[in-house]
Amino acid sequence: MNFYRWGLVVTASIIGLGNVWLLDSEDLSINNNIFEYMGIITMFGVSTMLVSYSFRTKGNKNIL
């Protein structure tokens, strides 16, 4: 996996952790924190997709 993709993984991870930091700890209801929850789920999915892409690609010699 090239450095560009690793950079995207790190960026998505930082954004996902930032969304955890932005959660309102006094009211964790879905209505109050919908954007934070969706951001966490989306960034986790983006990170997983980017990391697993190389493992799903056949014939790619540059896996890591």
PDB file of N, CA and C in Angstrom:
ATOM      1  N   MET A   1       0.849  -1.165   0.000  1.00  0.00           N
ATOM      2  CA  MET A   1       0.000   0.000   0.000  1.00  0.00           C
ATOM      3  C   MET A   1       0.903   1.238   0.000  1.00  0.00           C
ATOM      4  N   ASN A   2       0.591   2.173  -0.833  1.00  0.00           N
ATOM      5  CA  ASN A   2       1.455   3.341  -0.975  1.00  0.00           C
ATOM      6  C   ASN A   2       1.222   4.370   0.135  1.00  0.00           C
ATOM      7  N   PHE A   3       2.101   5.361   0.175  1.00  0.00           N
ATOM      8  CA  PHE A   3       2.053   6.366   1.239  1.00  0.00           C
ATOM      9  C   PHE A   3       0.806   7.241   1.146  1.00  0.00           C
ATOM     10  N   TYR A   4       0.316   7.460  -0.059  1.00  0.00           N
ATOM     11  CA  TYR A   4      -0.892   8.272  -0.229  1.00  0.00           C
ATOM     12  C   TYR A   4      -2.080   7.612   0.470  1.00  0.00           C
ATOM     13  N   ARG A   5      -2.227   6.309   0.277  1.00  0.00           N
ATOM     14  CA  ARG A   5      -3.346   5.603   0.906  1.00  0.00           C
ATOM     15  C   ARG A   5      -3.180   5.561   2.422  1.00  0.00           C
ATOM     16  N   TRP A   6      -1.951   5.378   2.904  1.00  0.00           N
ATOM     17  CA  TRP A   6      -1.729   5.403   4.351  1.00  0.00           C
ATOM     18  C   TRP A   6      -2.060   6.780   4.915  1.00  0.00           C
ATOM     19  N   GLY A   7      -1.737   7.831   4.174  1.00  0.00           N
ATOM     20  CA  GLY A   7      -2.086   9.182   4.605  1.00  0.00           C
ATOM     21  C   GLY A   7      -3.587   9.368   4.730  1.00  0.00           C
ATOM     22  N   LEU A   8      -4.334   8.801   3.778  1.00  0.00           N
ATOM     23  CA  LEU A   8      -5.798   8.873   3.853  1.00  0.00           C
ATOM     24  C   LEU A   8      -6.334   8.095   5.050  1.00  0.00           C
ATOM     25  N   VAL A   9      -5.726   6.932   5.335  1.00  0.00           N
ATOM     26  CA  VAL A   9      -6.152   6.137   6.488  1.00  0.00           C
ATOM     27  C   VAL A   9      -5.917   6.909   7.783  1.00  0.00           C
ATOM     28  N   VAL A  10      -4.743   7.521   7.900  1.00  0.00           N
ATOM     29  CA  VAL A  10      -4.432   8.289   9.111  1.00  0.00           C
ATOM     30  C   VAL A  10      -5.373   9.486   9.246  1.00  0.00           C
ATOM     31  N   THR A  11      -5.636  10.172   8.138  1.00  0.00           N
ATOM     32  CA  THR A  11      -6.548  11.321   8.172  1.00  0.00           C
ATOM     33  C   THR A  11      -7.955  10.899   8.585  1.00  0.00           C
ATOM     34  N   ALA A  12      -8.452   9.804   8.015  1.00  0.00           N
ATOM     35  CA  ALA A  12      -9.787   9.316   8.375  1.00  0.00           C
ATOM     36  C   ALA A  12      -9.835   8.893   9.840  1.00  0.00           C
ATOM     37  N   SER A  13      -8.761   8.300  10.331  1.00  0.00           N
ATOM     38  CA  SER A  13      -8.723   7.897  11.740  1.00  0.00           C
ATOM     39  C   SER A  13      -8.750   9.105  12.662  1.00  0.00           C
ATOM     40  N   ILE A  14      -8.002  10.144  12.308  1.00  0.00           N
ATOM     41  CA  ILE A  14      -7.986  11.361  13.126  1.00  0.00           C
ATOM     42  C   ILE A  14      -9.363  12.026  13.132  1.00  0.00           C
ATOM     43  N   ILE A  15     -10.016  12.064  11.975  1.00  0.00           N
ATOM     44  CA  ILE A  15     -11.361  12.652  11.906  1.00  0.00           C
ATOM     45  C   ILE A  15     -12.345  11.829  12.736  1.00  0.00           C
ATOM     46  N   GLY A  16     -12.239  10.495  12.648  1.00  0.00           N
ATOM     47  CA  GLY A  16     -13.112   9.629  13.441  1.00  0.00           C
ATOM     48  C   GLY A  16     -12.915   9.829  14.934  1.00  0.00           C
ATOM     49  N   LEU A  17     -11.650   9.941  15.365  1.00  0.00           N
ATOM     50  CA  LEU A  17     -11.383  10.187  16.781  1.00  0.00           C
ATOM     51  C   LEU A  17     -11.836  11.584  17.190  1.00  0.00           C
ATOM     52  N   GLY A  18     -11.731  12.535  16.284  1.00  0.00           N
ATOM     53  CA  GLY A  18     -12.228  13.879  16.568  1.00  0.00           C
ATOM     54  C   GLY A  18     -13.728  13.890  16.788  1.00  0.00           C
ATOM     55  N   ASN A  19     -14.437  13.057  16.039  1.00  0.00           N
ATOM     56  CA  ASN A  19     -15.885  12.961  16.237  1.00  0.00           C
ATOM     57  C   ASN A  19     -16.223  12.364  17.597  1.00  0.00           C
ATOM     58  N   VAL A  20     -15.410  11.429  18.069  1.00  0.00           N
ATOM     59  CA  VAL A  20     -15.620  10.886  19.414  1.00  0.00           C
ATOM     60  C   VAL A  20     -15.413  11.988  20.447  1.00  0.00           C
ATOM     61  N   TRP A  21     -14.403  12.825  20.215  1.00  0.00           N
ATOM     62  CA  TRP A  21     -14.094  13.912  21.145  1.00  0.00           C
ATOM     63  C   TRP A  21     -15.221  14.949  21.182  1.00  0.00           C
ATOM     64  N   LEU A  22     -15.928  15.125  20.070  1.00  0.00           N
ATOM     65  CA  LEU A  22     -16.995  16.123  19.990  1.00  0.00           C
ATOM     66  C   LEU A  22     -18.330  15.658  20.568  1.00  0.00           C
ATOM     67  N   LEU A  23     -18.437  14.377  20.951  1.00  0.00           N
ATOM     68  CA  LEU A  23     -19.697  13.880  21.510  1.00  0.00           C
ATOM     69  C   LEU A  23     -20.069  14.645  22.775  1.00  0.00           C
ATOM     70  N   ASP A  24     -21.349  14.917  22.918  1.00  0.00           N
ATOM     71  CA  ASP A  24     -21.857  15.563  24.127  1.00  0.00           C
ATOM     72  C   ASP A  24     -22.011  14.488  25.195  1.00  0.00           C
ATOM     73  N   SER A  25     -21.134  14.495  26.183  1.00  0.00           N
ATOM     74  CA  SER A  25     -21.108  13.409  27.167  1.00  0.00           C
ATOM     75  C   SER A  25     -22.298  13.446  28.124  1.00  0.00           C
ATOM     76  N   GLU A  26     -22.980  14.557  28.218  1.00  0.00           N
ATOM     77  CA  GLU A  26     -24.130  14.637  29.122  1.00  0.00           C
ATOM     78  C   GLU A  26     -25.398  14.073  28.489  1.00  0.00           C
ATOM     79  N   ASP A  27     -25.469  14.089  27.170  1.00  0.00           N
ATOM     80  CA  ASP A  27     -26.649  13.569  26.472  1.00  0.00           C
ATOM     81  C   ASP A  27     -26.171  12.794  25.252  1.00  0.00           C
ATOM     82  N   LEU A  28     -26.067  11.473  25.389  1.00  0.00           N
ATOM     83  CA  LEU A  28     -25.544  10.635  24.311  1.00  0.00           C
ATOM     84  C   LEU A  28     -26.634  10.098  23.391  1.00  0.00           C
ATOM     85  N   SER A  29     -27.790  10.737  23.372  1.00  0.00           N
ATOM     86  CA  SER A  29     -28.882  10.260  22.531  1.00  0.00           C
ATOM     87  C   SER A  29     -28.537  10.433  21.052  1.00  0.00           C
ATOM     88  N   ILE A  30     -29.162   9.628  20.224  1.00  0.00           N
ATOM     89  CA  ILE A  30     -28.905   9.669  18.781  1.00  0.00           C
ATOM     90  C   ILE A  30     -29.368  10.997  18.192  1.00  0.00           C
ATOM     91  N   ASN A  31     -30.420  11.578  18.740  1.00  0.00           N
ATOM     92  CA  ASN A  31     -30.919  12.853  18.219  1.00  0.00           C
ATOM     93  C   ASN A  31     -29.957  14.001  18.489  1.00  0.00           C
ATOM     94  N   ASN A  32     -29.253  13.942  19.601  1.00  0.00           N
ATOM     95  CA  ASN A  32     -28.351  15.021  19.974  1.00  0.00           C
ATOM     96  C   ASN A  32     -27.002  14.917  19.254  1.00  0.00           C
ATOM     97  N   ASN A  33     -26.557  13.718  18.946  1.00  0.00           N
ATOM     98  CA  ASN A  33     -25.217  13.507  18.405  1.00  0.00           C
ATOM     99  C   ASN A  33     -25.230  12.795  17.051  1.00  0.00           C
ATOM    100  N   ILE A  34     -26.236  13.011  16.240  1.00  0.00           N
ATOM    101  CA  ILE A  34     -26.375  12.265  14.989  1.00  0.00           C
ATOM    102  C   ILE A  34     -25.186  12.485  14.057  1.00  0.00           C
ATOM    103  N   PHE A  35     -24.698  13.709  13.950  1.00  0.00           N
ATOM    104  CA  PHE A  35     -23.599  13.977  13.028  1.00  0.00           C
ATOM    105  C   PHE A  35     -22.295  13.356  13.516  1.00  0.00           C
ATOM    106  N   GLU A  36     -22.085  13.354  14.827  1.00  0.00           N
ATOM    107  CA  GLU A  36     -20.884  12.740  15.372  1.00  0.00           C
ATOM    108  C   GLU A  36     -20.907  11.227  15.168  1.00  0.00           C
ATOM    109  N   TYR A  37     -22.055  10.599  15.444  1.00  0.00           N
ATOM    110  CA  TYR A  37     -22.160   9.154  15.253  1.00  0.00           C
ATOM    111  C   TYR A  37     -21.975   8.768  13.784  1.00  0.00           C
ATOM    112  N   MET A  38     -22.597   9.513  12.894  1.00  0.00           N
ATOM    113  CA  MET A  38     -22.455   9.210  11.463  1.00  0.00           C
ATOM    114  C   MET A  38     -21.009   9.432  11.004  1.00  0.00           C
ATOM    115  N   GLY A  39     -20.348  10.443  11.540  1.00  0.00           N
ATOM    116  CA  GLY A  39     -18.948  10.677  11.205  1.00  0.00           C
ATOM    117  C   GLY A  39     -18.051   9.552  11.673  1.00  0.00           C
ATOM    118  N   ILE A  40     -18.310   9.042  12.872  1.00  0.00           N
ATOM    119  CA  ILE A  40     -17.518   7.931  13.398  1.00  0.00           C
ATOM    120  C   ILE A  40     -17.701   6.703  12.518  1.00  0.00           C
ATOM    121  N   ILE A  41     -18.939   6.374  12.186  1.00  0.00           N
ATOM    122  CA  ILE A  41     -19.224   5.194  11.363  1.00  0.00           C
ATOM    123  C   ILE A  41     -18.623   5.350   9.972  1.00  0.00           C
ATOM    124  N   THR A  42     -18.769   6.526   9.378  1.00  0.00           N
ATOM    125  CA  THR A  42     -18.252   6.760   8.028  1.00  0.00           C
ATOM    126  C   THR A  42     -16.738   6.676   7.990  1.00  0.00           C
ATOM    127  N   MET A  43     -16.058   7.299   8.927  1.00  0.00           N
ATOM    128  CA  MET A  43     -14.597   7.286   8.924  1.00  0.00           C
ATOM    129  C   MET A  43     -14.053   5.894   9.230  1.00  0.00           C
ATOM    130  N   PHE A  44     -14.749   5.122  10.073  1.00  0.00           N
ATOM    131  CA  PHE A  44     -14.335   3.741  10.304  1.00  0.00           C
ATOM    132  C   PHE A  44     -14.465   2.933   9.013  1.00  0.00           C
ATOM    133  N   GLY A  45     -15.559   3.146   8.286  1.00  0.00           N
ATOM    134  CA  GLY A  45     -15.747   2.450   7.011  1.00  0.00           C
ATOM    135  C   GLY A  45     -14.720   2.850   5.974  1.00  0.00           C
ATOM    136  N   VAL A  46     -14.397   4.145   5.905  1.00  0.00           N
ATOM    137  CA  VAL A  46     -13.390   4.618   4.946  1.00  0.00           C
ATOM    138  C   VAL A  46     -12.032   4.016   5.277  1.00  0.00           C
ATOM    139  N   SER A  47     -11.661   4.010   6.552  1.00  0.00           N
ATOM    140  CA  SER A  47     -10.377   3.433   6.952  1.00  0.00           C
ATOM    141  C   SER A  47     -10.313   1.953   6.608  1.00  0.00           C
ATOM    142  N   THR A  48     -11.375   1.220   6.908  1.00  0.00           N
ATOM    143  CA  THR A  48     -11.408  -0.211   6.609  1.00  0.00           C
ATOM    144  C   THR A  48     -11.339  -0.462   5.113  1.00  0.00           C
ATOM    145  N   MET A  49     -12.057   0.327   4.329  1.00  0.00           N
ATOM    146  CA  MET A  49     -12.048   0.165   2.879  1.00  0.00           C
ATOM    147  C   MET A  49     -10.656   0.419   2.311  1.00  0.00           C
ATOM    148  N   LEU A  50     -10.001   1.475   2.765  1.00  0.00           N
ATOM    149  CA  LEU A  50      -8.685   1.812   2.238  1.00  0.00           C
ATOM    150  C   LEU A  50      -7.635   0.776   2.617  1.00  0.00           C
ATOM    151  N   VAL A  51      -7.706   0.253   3.835  1.00  0.00           N
ATOM    152  CA  VAL A  51      -6.726  -0.741   4.267  1.00  0.00           C
ATOM    153  C   VAL A  51      -6.954  -2.067   3.564  1.00  0.00           C
ATOM    154  N   SER A  52      -8.207  -2.474   3.405  1.00  0.00           N
ATOM    155  CA  SER A  52      -8.490  -3.784   2.821  1.00  0.00           C
ATOM    156  C   SER A  52      -8.420  -3.784   1.298  1.00  0.00           C
ATOM    157  N   TYR A  53      -8.342  -2.625   0.671  1.00  0.00           N
ATOM    158  CA  TYR A  53      -8.333  -2.566  -0.793  1.00  0.00           C
ATOM    159  C   TYR A  53      -7.137  -3.313  -1.378  1.00  0.00           C
ATOM    160  N   SER A  54      -5.978  -3.135  -0.780  1.00  0.00           N
ATOM    161  CA  SER A  54      -4.782  -3.790  -1.298  1.00  0.00           C
ATOM    162  C   SER A  54      -4.859  -5.301  -1.137  1.00  0.00           C
ATOM    163  N   PHE A  55      -5.488  -5.755  -0.080  1.00  0.00           N
ATOM    164  CA  PHE A  55      -5.582  -7.186   0.146  1.00  0.00           C
ATOM    165  C   PHE A  55      -6.593  -7.843  -0.788  1.00  0.00           C
ATOM    166  N   ARG A  56      -7.550  -7.075  -1.290  1.00  0.00           N
ATOM    167  CA  ARG A  56      -8.537  -7.612  -2.223  1.00  0.00           C
ATOM    168  C   ARG A  56      -8.066  -7.558  -3.662  1.00  0.00           C
ATOM    169  N   THR A  57      -7.085  -6.712  -3.947  1.00  0.00           N
ATOM    170  CA  THR A  57      -6.610  -6.535  -5.315  1.00  0.00           C
ATOM    171  C   THR A  57      -5.673  -7.674  -5.675  1.00  0.00           C
ATOM    172  N   LYS A  58      -5.969  -8.358  -6.754  1.00  0.00           N
ATOM    173  CA  LYS A  58      -5.127  -9.475  -7.182  1.00  0.00           C
ATOM    174  C   LYS A  58      -3.959  -8.956  -8.002  1.00  0.00           C
ATOM    175  N   GLY A  59      -2.819  -9.565  -7.799  1.00  0.00           N
ATOM    176  CA  GLY A  59      -1.648  -9.218  -8.581  1.00  0.00           C
ATOM    177  C   GLY A  59      -0.941  -7.968  -8.112  1.00  0.00           C
ATOM    178  N   ASN A  60      -1.306  -7.446  -6.968  1.00  0.00           N
ATOM    179  CA  ASN A  60      -0.652  -6.243  -6.454  1.00  0.00           C
ATOM    180  C   ASN A  60       0.530  -6.668  -5.598  1.00  0.00           C
ATOM    181  N   LYS A  61       1.742  -6.378  -6.055  1.00  0.00           N
ATOM    182  CA  LYS A  61       2.943  -6.773  -5.327  1.00  0.00           C
ATOM    183  C   LYS A  61       3.232  -5.827  -4.166  1.00  0.00           C
ATOM    184  N   ASN A  62       2.676  -4.622  -4.195  1.00  0.00           N
ATOM    185  CA  ASN A  62       2.948  -3.617  -3.176  1.00  0.00           C
ATOM    186  C   ASN A  62       1.801  -3.608  -2.164  1.00  0.00           C
ATOM    187  N   ILE A  63       1.705  -4.665  -1.346  1.00  0.00           N
ATOM    188  CA  ILE A  63       0.589  -4.790  -0.412  1.00  0.00           C
ATOM    189  C   ILE A  63       0.742  -3.811   0.748  1.00  0.00           C
ATOM    190  N   LEU A  64       1.935  -3.714   1.309  1.00  0.00           N
ATOM    191  CA  LEU A  64       2.111  -2.815   2.461  1.00  0.00           C
ATOM    192  C   LEU A  64       2.965  -1.643   2.099  1.00  0.00           C
TER     193      LEU A  64
END
